[in-house]
Amino acid sequence: MNFSTIKYTITLIILGIVSISTGEIVTFVMLCFIIVILTNIHNVLKRILENLDKASR
């Protein structure tokens, strides 16, 4: 596990505690989906940038 994965896990745990205490479980699930999707998009864009950097050398 790298630091960003741990950071996202801690953020999701905090969001989960807040959502359970306020009764907004559906919002928590939607936020989890959004965070996972954005993380995947970010990782793909990083891989594309690495490939472009390798190709330009």
Protein backbone atom coordinates (compact mmCIF):
# COMPACT_ATOMS: atom_id res chain seq x y z
CA MET A 1 0.00 0.00 0.00
CA ASN A 2 1.28 3.41 -0.83
CA PHE A 3 0.55 6.61 1.07
CA SER A 4 -2.25 7.79 -1.19
CA THR A 5 -4.16 4.51 -0.73
CA ILE A 6 -3.87 4.85 3.04
CA LYS A 7 -5.00 8.47 2.80
CA TYR A 8 -8.08 7.49 0.77
CA THR A 9 -8.89 4.68 3.20
CA ILE A 10 -8.74 7.02 6.19
CA THR A 11 -10.88 9.57 4.35
CA LEU A 12 -13.50 6.92 3.57
CA ILE A 13 -13.55 5.75 7.18
CA ILE A 14 -14.11 9.32 8.41
CA LEU A 15 -16.84 9.85 5.80
CA GLY A 16 -18.43 6.56 6.86
CA ILE A 17 -18.52 7.52 10.52
CA VAL A 18 -20.01 10.93 9.73
CA SER A 19 -22.59 9.47 7.34
CA ILE A 20 -23.72 6.79 9.79
CA SER A 21 -24.07 9.34 12.60
CA THR A 22 -26.11 11.68 10.39
CA GLY A 23 -28.10 8.94 8.65
CA GLU A 24 -26.83 9.75 5.14
CA ILE A 25 -25.73 6.27 4.09
CA VAL A 26 -26.80 6.71 0.45
CA THR A 27 -24.68 9.84 0.22
CA PHE A 28 -21.72 7.91 1.62
CA VAL A 29 -22.10 5.18 -1.00
CA MET A 30 -22.31 7.77 -3.78
CA LEU A 31 -19.20 9.56 -2.47
CA CYS A 32 -17.34 6.24 -2.36
CA PHE A 33 -18.19 5.59 -6.01
CA ILE A 34 -17.06 9.08 -6.98
CA ILE A 35 -13.77 8.76 -5.08
CA VAL A 36 -13.02 5.36 -6.63
CA ILE A 37 -13.81 6.61 -10.14
CA LEU A 38 -11.70 9.75 -9.73
CA THR A 39 -8.80 7.71 -8.36
CA ASN A 40 -8.96 5.39 -11.36
CA ILE A 41 -9.05 8.33 -13.78
CA HIS A 42 -6.06 9.88 -12.02
CA ASN A 43 -4.05 6.64 -12.21
CA VAL A 44 -4.81 6.21 -15.92
CA LEU A 45 -3.78 9.78 -16.67
CA LYS A 46 -0.51 9.25 -14.76
CA ARG A 47 0.21 6.12 -16.84
CA ILE A 48 -0.52 8.00 -20.07
CA LEU A 49 1.85 10.79 -19.02
CA GLU A 50 4.57 8.28 -18.19
CA ASN A 51 4.14 6.63 -21.59
CA LEU A 52 4.31 10.00 -23.37
CA ASP A 53 7.46 10.90 -21.43
CA LYS A 54 9.10 7.60 -22.42
CA ALA A 55 8.11 8.08 -26.06
CA SER A 56 9.51 11.59 -26.25
CA ARG A 57 12.98 10.59 -25.06
